[in-house]
Amino acid sequence: MDLRDAVMTAYPARRSLIARSRHVWDRYIGWGSAHPLKRRAMRQLAVSAIMSAIADTTMDFIAREPAQAKRYTKGGFDAFWKGVAG
């Protein structure tokens, strides 16, 4: 079973936001615990998605203030590393 199937099975669409969030959380935890290799692959993809988002934001800042490129490049990497390494 893939993650989407696990989450969407019996999804409580008409319930409260907290009930829907809890459903997603519980299914994600259950799926990840049952499929550690798939979870590892998802984690690696998430790191890539985090890097892409921070890199895009960094480049947007540099486009607005090119003179600050070095500062923004360092700050962007610091934010990325803190998010990945803790």
Protein backbone atom coordinates (compact mmCIF):
# COMPACT_ATOMS: atom_id res chain seq x y z
CA MET A 1 0.00 0.00 0.00
CA ASP A 2 1.38 3.41 -0.90
CA LEU A 3 1.20 6.43 1.40
CA ARG A 4 -1.65 8.08 -0.52
CA ASP A 5 -3.80 4.96 -0.24
CA ALA A 6 -3.01 4.65 3.45
CA VAL A 7 -4.01 8.25 4.15
CA MET A 8 -7.10 8.34 1.98
CA THR A 9 -8.59 5.07 3.24
CA ALA A 10 -11.66 6.07 5.26
CA TYR A 11 -10.63 9.75 5.15
CA PRO A 12 -13.11 11.71 7.33
CA ALA A 13 -13.79 14.49 4.81
CA ARG A 14 -16.80 15.90 6.68
CA ARG A 15 -15.22 15.93 10.11
CA SER A 16 -13.38 18.77 11.86
CA LEU A 17 -9.95 19.97 10.82
CA ILE A 18 -8.42 18.39 13.90
CA ALA A 19 -10.09 15.04 13.15
CA ARG A 20 -8.87 15.14 9.53
CA SER A 21 -5.36 16.14 10.62
CA ARG A 22 -5.29 13.36 13.21
CA HIS A 23 -6.40 10.86 10.57
CA VAL A 24 -3.55 11.90 8.26
CA TRP A 25 -1.06 11.86 11.14
CA ASP A 26 -2.10 8.41 12.38
CA ARG A 27 -2.05 6.90 8.89
CA TYR A 28 1.33 8.47 8.09
CA ILE A 29 2.87 7.15 11.31
CA GLY A 30 1.36 3.70 10.70
CA TRP A 31 2.53 3.62 7.08
CA GLY A 32 6.04 4.80 7.97
CA SER A 33 6.37 2.26 10.77
CA ALA A 34 5.22 -0.56 8.49
CA HIS A 35 7.39 0.46 5.52
CA PRO A 36 10.79 1.69 6.78
CA LEU A 37 12.50 1.53 3.36
CA LYS A 38 9.74 3.54 1.69
CA ARG A 39 9.88 5.98 4.60
CA ARG A 40 13.60 6.43 4.06
CA ALA A 41 13.02 7.21 0.38
CA MET A 42 10.34 9.77 1.34
CA ARG A 43 12.74 11.39 3.79
CA GLN A 44 15.40 11.71 1.09
CA LEU A 45 12.86 13.28 -1.26
CA ALA A 46 11.75 15.68 1.48
CA VAL A 47 15.33 16.86 1.98
CA SER A 48 15.49 17.58 -1.74
CA ALA A 49 12.14 19.46 -1.57
CA ILE A 50 13.46 21.50 1.45
CA MET A 51 16.66 22.36 -0.42
CA SER A 52 14.74 23.45 -3.50
CA ALA A 53 12.37 25.69 -1.53
CA ILE A 54 15.15 27.38 0.43
CA ALA A 55 17.29 27.77 -2.70
CA ASP A 56 14.40 29.38 -4.58
CA THR A 57 13.76 31.79 -1.72
CA THR A 58 17.47 32.61 -1.52
CA MET A 59 17.61 33.36 -5.25
CA ASP A 60 14.52 35.59 -4.96
CA PHE A 61 16.24 37.62 -2.24
CA ILE A 62 19.41 37.87 -4.35
CA ALA A 63 17.39 39.06 -7.35
CA ARG A 64 16.00 41.90 -5.23
CA GLU A 65 19.32 42.80 -3.62
CA PRO A 66 22.23 41.52 -5.74
CA ALA A 67 24.76 43.33 -3.56
CA GLN A 68 23.73 41.05 -0.68
CA ALA A 69 24.26 37.81 -2.65
CA LYS A 70 27.04 36.51 -0.43
CA ARG A 71 25.05 37.21 2.74
CA TYR A 72 21.88 35.59 1.35
CA THR A 73 23.79 32.59 0.02
CA LYS A 74 25.27 31.95 3.45
CA GLY A 75 21.97 32.56 5.21
CA GLY A 76 20.12 30.25 2.85
CA PHE A 77 22.59 27.44 3.40
CA ASP A 78 22.50 27.97 7.16
CA ALA A 79 18.70 27.69 7.10
CA PHE A 80 18.88 24.56 4.94
CA TRP A 81 21.49 22.92 7.16
CA LYS A 82 19.59 23.74 10.34
CA GLY A 83 16.45 22.21 8.84
CA VAL A 84 18.22 19.04 7.76
CA ALA A 85 20.73 18.49 10.53
CA GLY A 86 18.72 19.87 13.41
